[in-house]
mmCIF file of all heavy atoms, coordinates in Angstrom:
data_MODEL
# 
_entry.id   MODEL 
# 
loop_
_atom_site.group_PDB 
_atom_site.id 
_atom_site.type_symbol 
_atom_site.label_atom_id 
_atom_site.label_alt_id 
_atom_site.label_comp_id 
_atom_site.label_asym_id 
_atom_site.label_entity_id 
_atom_site.label_seq_id 
_atom_site.pdbx_PDB_ins_code 
_atom_site.Cartn_x 
_atom_site.Cartn_y 
_atom_site.Cartn_z 
_atom_site.occupancy 
_atom_site.B_iso_or_equiv 
_atom_site.pdbx_formal_charge 
_atom_site.auth_seq_id 
_atom_site.auth_comp_id 
_atom_site.auth_asym_id 
_atom_site.auth_atom_id 
_atom_site.pdbx_PDB_model_num 
ATOM 1   N N   . GLY A 1 1  ? 29.836 29.895 79.354 1.00 0.00 ? 1  GLY A N   1 
ATOM 2   C CA  . GLY A 1 1  ? 30.950 30.820 79.223 1.00 0.00 ? 1  GLY A CA  1 
ATOM 3   C C   . GLY A 1 1  ? 32.223 30.069 78.895 1.00 0.00 ? 1  GLY A C   1 
ATOM 4   O O   . GLY A 1 1  ? 32.214 28.861 78.611 1.00 0.00 ? 1  GLY A O   1 
ATOM 5   N N   . SER A 1 2  ? 33.336 30.757 78.939 1.00 0.00 ? 2  SER A N   1 
ATOM 6   C CA  . SER A 1 2  ? 34.625 30.131 78.667 1.00 0.00 ? 2  SER A CA  1 
ATOM 7   C C   . SER A 1 2  ? 35.706 30.881 79.427 1.00 0.00 ? 2  SER A C   1 
ATOM 8   O O   . SER A 1 2  ? 35.514 32.028 79.839 1.00 0.00 ? 2  SER A O   1 
ATOM 9   C CB  . SER A 1 2  ? 34.930 30.138 77.163 1.00 0.00 ? 2  SER A CB  1 
ATOM 10  O OG  . SER A 1 2  ? 34.966 31.472 76.669 1.00 0.00 ? 2  SER A OG  1 
ATOM 11  N N   . LEU A 1 3  ? 36.838 30.215 79.605 1.00 0.00 ? 3  LEU A N   1 
ATOM 12  C CA  . LEU A 1 3  ? 37.994 30.831 80.241 1.00 0.00 ? 3  LEU A CA  1 
ATOM 13  C C   . LEU A 1 3  ? 39.245 30.174 79.681 1.00 0.00 ? 3  LEU A C   1 
ATOM 14  O O   . LEU A 1 3  ? 39.183 29.099 79.061 1.00 0.00 ? 3  LEU A O   1 
ATOM 15  C CB  . LEU A 1 3  ? 37.925 30.692 81.766 1.00 0.00 ? 3  LEU A CB  1 
ATOM 16  C CG  . LEU A 1 3  ? 37.827 29.275 82.351 1.00 0.00 ? 3  LEU A CG  1 
ATOM 17  C CD1 . LEU A 1 3  ? 39.214 28.699 82.659 1.00 0.00 ? 3  LEU A CD1 1 
ATOM 18  C CD2 . LEU A 1 3  ? 36.987 29.287 83.618 1.00 0.00 ? 3  LEU A CD2 1 
ATOM 19  N N   . THR A 1 4  ? 40.368 30.816 79.891 1.00 0.00 ? 4  THR A N   1 
ATOM 20  C CA  . THR A 1 4  ? 41.639 30.276 79.413 1.00 0.00 ? 4  THR A CA  1 
ATOM 21  C C   . THR A 1 4  ? 42.643 30.211 80.556 1.00 0.00 ? 4  THR A C   1 
ATOM 22  O O   . THR A 1 4  ? 42.555 30.962 81.523 1.00 0.00 ? 4  THR A O   1 
ATOM 23  C CB  . THR A 1 4  ? 42.226 31.138 78.279 1.00 0.00 ? 4  THR A CB  1 
ATOM 24  O OG1 . THR A 1 4  ? 42.472 32.465 78.778 1.00 0.00 ? 4  THR A OG1 1 
ATOM 25  C CG2 . THR A 1 4  ? 41.270 31.208 77.095 1.00 0.00 ? 4  THR A CG2 1 
ATOM 26  N N   . TYR A 1 5  ? 43.572 29.301 80.421 1.00 0.00 ? 5  TYR A N   1 
ATOM 27  C CA  . TYR A 1 5  ? 44.736 29.254 81.290 1.00 0.00 ? 5  TYR A CA  1 
ATOM 28  C C   . TYR A 1 5  ? 45.897 28.736 80.451 1.00 0.00 ? 5  TYR A C   1 
ATOM 29  O O   . TYR A 1 5  ? 45.702 28.136 79.382 1.00 0.00 ? 5  TYR A O   1 
ATOM 30  C CB  . TYR A 1 5  ? 44.493 28.359 82.514 1.00 0.00 ? 5  TYR A CB  1 
ATOM 31  C CG  . TYR A 1 5  ? 44.415 26.883 82.201 1.00 0.00 ? 5  TYR A CG  1 
ATOM 32  C CD1 . TYR A 1 5  ? 45.544 26.060 82.274 1.00 0.00 ? 5  TYR A CD1 1 
ATOM 33  C CD2 . TYR A 1 5  ? 43.215 26.305 81.807 1.00 0.00 ? 5  TYR A CD2 1 
ATOM 34  C CE1 . TYR A 1 5  ? 45.476 24.706 81.971 1.00 0.00 ? 5  TYR A CE1 1 
ATOM 35  C CE2 . TYR A 1 5  ? 43.138 24.959 81.511 1.00 0.00 ? 5  TYR A CE2 1 
ATOM 36  C CZ  . TYR A 1 5  ? 44.260 24.159 81.591 1.00 0.00 ? 5  TYR A CZ  1 
ATOM 37  O OH  . TYR A 1 5  ? 44.192 22.830 81.281 1.00 0.00 ? 5  TYR A OH  1 
ATOM 38  N N   . SER A 1 6  ? 47.110 28.982 80.900 1.00 0.00 ? 6  SER A N   1 
ATOM 39  C CA  . SER A 1 6  ? 48.286 28.588 80.127 1.00 0.00 ? 6  SER A CA  1 
ATOM 40  C C   . SER A 1 6  ? 49.214 27.727 80.968 1.00 0.00 ? 6  SER A C   1 
ATOM 41  O O   . SER A 1 6  ? 49.309 27.903 82.189 1.00 0.00 ? 6  SER A O   1 
ATOM 42  C CB  . SER A 1 6  ? 49.044 29.826 79.629 1.00 0.00 ? 6  SER A CB  1 
ATOM 43  O OG  . SER A 1 6  ? 48.203 30.639 78.836 1.00 0.00 ? 6  SER A OG  1 
ATOM 44  N N   . VAL A 1 7  ? 49.867 26.806 80.309 1.00 0.00 ? 7  VAL A N   1 
ATOM 45  C CA  . VAL A 1 7  ? 50.870 25.957 80.948 1.00 0.00 ? 7  VAL A CA  1 
ATOM 46  C C   . VAL A 1 7  ? 52.244 26.387 80.452 1.00 0.00 ? 7  VAL A C   1 
ATOM 47  O O   . VAL A 1 7  ? 52.502 26.354 79.244 1.00 0.00 ? 7  VAL A O   1 
ATOM 48  C CB  . VAL A 1 7  ? 50.636 24.468 80.631 1.00 0.00 ? 7  VAL A CB  1 
ATOM 49  C CG1 . VAL A 1 7  ? 51.757 23.613 81.225 1.00 0.00 ? 7  VAL A CG1 1 
ATOM 50  C CG2 . VAL A 1 7  ? 49.287 24.006 81.160 1.00 0.00 ? 7  VAL A CG2 1 
ATOM 51  N N   . GLY A 1 8  ? 53.091 26.833 81.375 1.00 0.00 ? 8  GLY A N   1 
ATOM 52  C CA  . GLY A 1 8  ? 54.438 27.248 81.004 1.00 0.00 ? 8  GLY A CA  1 
ATOM 53  C C   . GLY A 1 8  ? 54.505 28.647 80.446 1.00 0.00 ? 8  GLY A C   1 
ATOM 54  O O   . GLY A 1 8  ? 55.179 29.521 80.975 1.00 0.00 ? 8  GLY A O   1 
ATOM 55  N N   . ALA A 1 9  ? 53.788 28.894 79.368 1.00 0.00 ? 9  ALA A N   1 
ATOM 56  C CA  . ALA A 1 9  ? 53.790 30.205 78.717 1.00 0.00 ? 9  ALA A CA  1 
ATOM 57  C C   . ALA A 1 9  ? 52.523 30.344 77.892 1.00 0.00 ? 9  ALA A C   1 
ATOM 58  O O   . ALA A 1 9  ? 51.920 29.350 77.476 1.00 0.00 ? 9  ALA A O   1 
ATOM 59  C CB  . ALA A 1 9  ? 55.027 30.369 77.832 1.00 0.00 ? 9  ALA A CB  1 
ATOM 60  N N   . ALA A 1 10 ? 52.119 31.586 77.663 1.00 0.00 ? 10 ALA A N   1 
ATOM 61  C CA  . ALA A 1 10 ? 50.901 31.842 76.897 1.00 0.00 ? 10 ALA A CA  1 
ATOM 62  C C   . ALA A 1 10 ? 51.147 31.627 75.414 1.00 0.00 ? 10 ALA A C   1 
ATOM 63  O O   . ALA A 1 10 ? 52.259 31.754 74.908 1.00 0.00 ? 10 ALA A O   1 
ATOM 64  C CB  . ALA A 1 10 ? 50.411 33.262 77.155 1.00 0.00 ? 10 ALA A CB  1 
ATOM 65  N N   . SER A 1 11 ? 50.067 31.272 74.705 1.00 0.00 ? 11 SER A N   1 
ATOM 66  C CA  . SER A 1 11 ? 50.115 31.122 73.249 1.00 0.00 ? 11 SER A CA  1 
ATOM 67  C C   . SER A 1 11 ? 48.751 31.530 72.704 1.00 0.00 ? 11 SER A C   1 
ATOM 68  O O   . SER A 1 11 ? 47.863 31.951 73.454 1.00 0.00 ? 11 SER A O   1 
ATOM 69  C CB  . SER A 1 11 ? 50.430 29.666 72.875 1.00 0.00 ? 11 SER A CB  1 
ATOM 70  O OG  . SER A 1 11 ? 49.372 28.804 73.277 1.00 0.00 ? 11 SER A OG  1 
ATOM 71  N N   . ALA A 1 12 ? 48.565 31.422 71.406 1.00 0.00 ? 12 ALA A N   1 
ATOM 72  C CA  . ALA A 1 12 ? 47.253 31.724 70.823 1.00 0.00 ? 12 ALA A CA  1 
ATOM 73  C C   . ALA A 1 12 ? 46.227 30.711 71.337 1.00 0.00 ? 12 ALA A C   1 
ATOM 74  O O   . ALA A 1 12 ? 46.477 29.508 71.335 1.00 0.00 ? 12 ALA A O   1 
ATOM 75  C CB  . ALA A 1 12 ? 47.339 31.678 69.305 1.00 0.00 ? 12 ALA A CB  1 
ATOM 76  N N   . ALA A 1 13 ? 45.066 31.211 71.786 1.00 0.00 ? 13 ALA A N   1 
ATOM 77  C CA  . ALA A 1 13 ? 44.042 30.323 72.340 1.00 0.00 ? 13 ALA A CA  1 
ATOM 78  C C   . ALA A 1 13 ? 43.303 29.602 71.221 1.00 0.00 ? 13 ALA A C   1 
ATOM 79  O O   . ALA A 1 13 ? 43.048 30.171 70.162 1.00 0.00 ? 13 ALA A O   1 
ATOM 80  C CB  . ALA A 1 13 ? 43.053 31.132 73.178 1.00 0.00 ? 13 ALA A CB  1 
ATOM 81  N N   . PRO A 1 14 ? 42.968 28.329 71.420 1.00 0.00 ? 14 PRO A N   1 
ATOM 82  C CA  . PRO A 1 14 ? 42.173 27.607 70.422 1.00 0.00 ? 14 PRO A CA  1 
ATOM 83  C C   . PRO A 1 14 ? 40.757 28.186 70.344 1.00 0.00 ? 14 PRO A C   1 
ATOM 84  O O   . PRO A 1 14 ? 40.306 28.904 71.232 1.00 0.00 ? 14 PRO A O   1 
ATOM 85  C CB  . PRO A 1 14 ? 42.158 26.167 70.942 1.00 0.00 ? 14 PRO A CB  1 
ATOM 86  C CG  . PRO A 1 14 ? 42.390 26.295 72.414 1.00 0.00 ? 14 PRO A CG  1 
ATOM 87  C CD  . PRO A 1 14 ? 43.273 27.485 72.592 1.00 0.00 ? 14 PRO A CD  1 
ATOM 88  N N   . THR A 1 15 ? 40.041 27.838 69.284 1.00 0.00 ? 15 THR A N   1 
ATOM 89  C CA  . THR A 1 15 ? 38.685 28.332 69.070 1.00 0.00 ? 15 THR A CA  1 
ATOM 90  C C   . THR A 1 15 ? 37.677 27.338 69.614 1.00 0.00 ? 15 THR A C   1 
ATOM 91  O O   . THR A 1 15 ? 37.779 26.139 69.349 1.00 0.00 ? 15 THR A O   1 
ATOM 92  C CB  . THR A 1 15 ? 38.412 28.554 67.573 1.00 0.00 ? 15 THR A CB  1 
ATOM 93  O OG1 . THR A 1 15 ? 39.395 29.460 67.060 1.00 0.00 ? 15 THR A OG1 1 
ATOM 94  C CG2 . THR A 1 15 ? 37.029 29.142 67.355 1.00 0.00 ? 15 THR A CG2 1 
ATOM 95  N N   . ALA A 1 16 ? 36.679 27.840 70.388 1.00 0.00 ? 16 ALA A N   1 
ATOM 96  C CA  . ALA A 1 16 ? 35.671 26.963 70.977 1.00 0.00 ? 16 ALA A CA  1 
ATOM 97  C C   . ALA A 1 16 ? 34.703 26.486 69.909 1.00 0.00 ? 16 ALA A C   1 
ATOM 98  O O   . ALA A 1 16 ? 34.410 27.190 68.948 1.00 0.00 ? 16 ALA A O   1 
ATOM 99  C CB  . ALA A 1 16 ? 34.913 27.696 72.076 1.00 0.00 ? 16 ALA A CB  1 
ATOM 100 N N   . THR A 1 17 ? 34.217 25.272 70.075 1.00 0.00 ? 17 THR A N   1 
ATOM 101 C CA  . THR A 1 17 ? 33.201 24.735 69.166 1.00 0.00 ? 17 THR A CA  1 
ATOM 102 C C   . THR A 1 17 ? 31.827 24.695 69.823 1.00 0.00 ? 17 THR A C   1 
ATOM 103 O O   . THR A 1 17 ? 30.855 24.295 69.211 1.00 0.00 ? 17 THR A O   1 
ATOM 104 C CB  . THR A 1 17 ? 33.576 23.300 68.739 1.00 0.00 ? 17 THR A CB  1 
ATOM 105 O OG1 . THR A 1 17 ? 33.706 22.481 69.902 1.00 0.00 ? 17 THR A OG1 1 
ATOM 106 C CG2 . THR A 1 17 ? 34.877 23.298 67.976 1.00 0.00 ? 17 THR A CG2 1 
ATOM 107 N N   . LEU A 1 18 ? 31.740 25.124 71.108 1.00 0.00 ? 18 LEU A N   1 
ATOM 108 C CA  . LEU A 1 18 ? 30.464 25.145 71.819 1.00 0.00 ? 18 LEU A CA  1 
ATOM 109 C C   . LEU A 1 18 ? 29.997 26.581 71.980 1.00 0.00 ? 18 LEU A C   1 
ATOM 110 O O   . LEU A 1 18 ? 30.799 27.495 72.160 1.00 0.00 ? 18 LEU A O   1 
ATOM 111 C CB  . LEU A 1 18 ? 30.608 24.516 73.207 1.00 0.00 ? 18 LEU A CB  1 
ATOM 112 C CG  . LEU A 1 18 ? 30.939 23.022 73.264 1.00 0.00 ? 18 LEU A CG  1 
ATOM 113 C CD1 . LEU A 1 18 ? 31.076 22.600 74.724 1.00 0.00 ? 18 LEU A CD1 1 
ATOM 114 C CD2 . LEU A 1 18 ? 29.882 22.193 72.592 1.00 0.00 ? 18 LEU A CD2 1 
ATOM 115 N N   . ASP A 1 19 ? 28.677 26.792 71.912 1.00 0.00 ? 19 ASP A N   1 
ATOM 116 C CA  . ASP A 1 19 ? 28.116 28.097 72.200 1.00 0.00 ? 19 ASP A CA  1 
ATOM 117 C C   . ASP A 1 19 ? 28.218 28.375 73.695 1.00 0.00 ? 19 ASP A C   1 
ATOM 118 O O   . ASP A 1 19 ? 28.254 27.463 74.504 1.00 0.00 ? 19 ASP A O   1 
ATOM 119 C CB  . ASP A 1 19 ? 26.638 28.164 71.782 1.00 0.00 ? 19 ASP A CB  1 
ATOM 120 C CG  . ASP A 1 19 ? 26.489 28.070 70.271 1.00 0.00 ? 19 ASP A CG  1 
ATOM 121 O OD1 . ASP A 1 19 ? 27.416 28.509 69.578 1.00 0.00 ? 19 ASP A OD1 1 
ATOM 122 O OD2 . ASP A 1 19 ? 25.455 27.549 69.815 1.00 0.00 ? 19 ASP A OD2 1 
ATOM 123 N N   . ASP A 1 20 ? 28.208 29.670 74.041 1.00 0.00 ? 20 ASP A N   1 
ATOM 124 C CA  . ASP A 1 20 ? 28.255 30.028 75.451 1.00 0.00 ? 20 ASP A CA  1 
ATOM 125 C C   . ASP A 1 20 ? 26.861 29.967 76.054 1.00 0.00 ? 20 ASP A C   1 
ATOM 126 O O   . ASP A 1 20 ? 26.467 28.978 76.606 1.00 0.00 ? 20 ASP A O   1 
ATOM 127 C CB  . ASP A 1 20 ? 28.874 31.422 75.622 1.00 0.00 ? 20 ASP A CB  1 
ATOM 128 C CG  . ASP A 1 20 ? 30.383 31.409 75.393 1.00 0.00 ? 20 ASP A CG  1 
ATOM 129 O OD1 . ASP A 1 20 ? 30.944 30.305 75.340 1.00 0.00 ? 20 ASP A OD1 1 
ATOM 130 O OD2 . ASP A 1 20 ? 30.964 32.486 75.252 1.00 0.00 ? 20 ASP A OD2 1 
ATOM 131 N N   . VAL A 1 21 ? 26.096 31.022 75.950 1.00 0.00 ? 21 VAL A N   1 
ATOM 132 C CA  . VAL A 1 21 ? 24.750 31.040 76.532 1.00 0.00 ? 21 VAL A CA  1 
ATOM 133 C C   . VAL A 1 21 ? 23.719 31.489 75.507 1.00 0.00 ? 21 VAL A C   1 
ATOM 134 O O   . VAL A 1 21 ? 22.744 32.130 75.845 1.00 0.00 ? 21 VAL A O   1 
ATOM 135 C CB  . VAL A 1 21 ? 24.690 31.960 77.777 1.00 0.00 ? 21 VAL A CB  1 
ATOM 136 C CG1 . VAL A 1 21 ? 25.365 31.320 78.947 1.00 0.00 ? 21 VAL A CG1 1 
ATOM 137 C CG2 . VAL A 1 21 ? 25.319 33.313 77.485 1.00 0.00 ? 21 VAL A CG2 1 
ATOM 138 N N   . THR A 1 22 ? 23.970 31.185 74.232 1.00 0.00 ? 22 THR A N   1 
ATOM 139 C CA  . THR A 1 22 ? 23.013 31.576 73.208 1.00 0.00 ? 22 THR A CA  1 
ATOM 140 C C   . THR A 1 22 ? 21.707 30.809 73.402 1.00 0.00 ? 22 THR A C   1 
ATOM 141 O O   . THR A 1 22 ? 21.701 29.622 73.691 1.00 0.00 ? 22 THR A O   1 
ATOM 142 C CB  . THR A 1 22 ? 23.570 31.291 71.801 1.00 0.00 ? 22 THR A CB  1 
ATOM 143 O OG1 . THR A 1 22 ? 23.955 29.909 71.724 1.00 0.00 ? 22 THR A OG1 1 
ATOM 144 C CG2 . THR A 1 22 ? 24.783 32.158 71.523 1.00 0.00 ? 22 THR A CG2 1 
ATOM 145 N N   . VAL A 1 23 ? 20.610 31.516 73.256 1.00 0.00 ? 23 VAL A N   1 
ATOM 146 C CA  . VAL A 1 23 ? 19.281 30.922 73.345 1.00 0.00 ? 23 VAL A CA  1 
ATOM 147 C C   . VAL A 1 23 ? 18.493 31.396 72.138 1.00 0.00 ? 23 VAL A C   1 
ATOM 148 O O   . VAL A 1 23 ? 18.500 32.585 71.811 1.00 0.00 ? 23 VAL A O   1 
ATOM 149 C CB  . VAL A 1 23 ? 18.555 31.343 74.643 1.00 0.00 ? 23 VAL A CB  1 
ATOM 150 C CG1 . VAL A 1 23 ? 17.136 30.791 74.664 1.00 0.00 ? 23 VAL A CG1 1 
ATOM 151 C CG2 . VAL A 1 23 ? 19.330 30.866 75.856 1.00 0.00 ? 23 VAL A CG2 1 
ATOM 152 N N   . ASP A 1 24 ? 17.844 30.455 71.449 1.00 0.00 ? 24 ASP A N   1 
ATOM 153 C CA  . ASP A 1 24 ? 17.039 30.803 70.288 1.00 0.00 ? 24 ASP A CA  1 
ATOM 154 C C   . ASP A 1 24 ? 16.006 31.859 70.690 1.00 0.00 ? 24 ASP A C   1 
ATOM 155 O O   . ASP A 1 24 ? 15.304 31.701 71.693 1.00 0.00 ? 24 ASP A O   1 
ATOM 156 C CB  . ASP A 1 24 ? 16.333 29.549 69.767 1.00 0.00 ? 24 ASP A CB  1 
ATOM 157 C CG  . ASP A 1 24 ? 15.554 29.818 68.505 1.00 0.00 ? 24 ASP A CG  1 
ATOM 158 O OD1 . ASP A 1 24 ? 16.150 29.766 67.424 1.00 0.00 ? 24 ASP A OD1 1 
ATOM 159 O OD2 . ASP A 1 24 ? 14.336 30.101 68.611 1.00 0.00 ? 24 ASP A OD2 1 
ATOM 160 N N   . PRO A 1 25 ? 15.892 32.980 69.931 1.00 0.00 ? 25 PRO A N   1 
ATOM 161 C CA  . PRO A 1 25 ? 14.963 34.050 70.322 1.00 0.00 ? 25 PRO A CA  1 
ATOM 162 C C   . PRO A 1 25 ? 13.512 33.602 70.389 1.00 0.00 ? 25 PRO A C   1 
ATOM 163 O O   . PRO A 1 25 ? 12.747 34.113 71.204 1.00 0.00 ? 25 PRO A O   1 
ATOM 164 C CB  . PRO A 1 25 ? 15.182 35.129 69.251 1.00 0.00 ? 25 PRO A CB  1 
ATOM 165 C CG  . PRO A 1 25 ? 15.891 34.442 68.125 1.00 0.00 ? 25 PRO A CG  1 
ATOM 166 C CD  . PRO A 1 25 ? 16.671 33.329 68.729 1.00 0.00 ? 25 PRO A CD  1 
ATOM 167 N N   . VAL A 1 26 ? 13.126 32.654 69.543 1.00 0.00 ? 26 VAL A N   1 
ATOM 168 C CA  . VAL A 1 26 ? 11.747 32.150 69.594 1.00 0.00 ? 26 VAL A CA  1 
ATOM 169 C C   . VAL A 1 26 ? 11.525 31.406 70.905 1.00 0.00 ? 26 VAL A C   1 
ATOM 170 O O   . VAL A 1 26 ? 10.501 31.580 71.579 1.00 0.00 ? 26 VAL A O   1 
ATOM 171 C CB  . VAL A 1 26 ? 11.458 31.241 68.385 1.00 0.00 ? 26 VAL A CB  1 
ATOM 172 C CG1 . VAL A 1 26 ? 10.063 30.625 68.495 1.00 0.00 ? 26 VAL A CG1 1 
ATOM 173 C CG2 . VAL A 1 26 ? 11.594 32.027 67.083 1.00 0.00 ? 26 VAL A CG2 1 
# 
């Protein structure tokens, strides 16, 4: 999974490069 937190003030969140819990269907 993923979560966000902000320091000082919120901004646009960066994009994750890791999958969350995807599992190959096979």
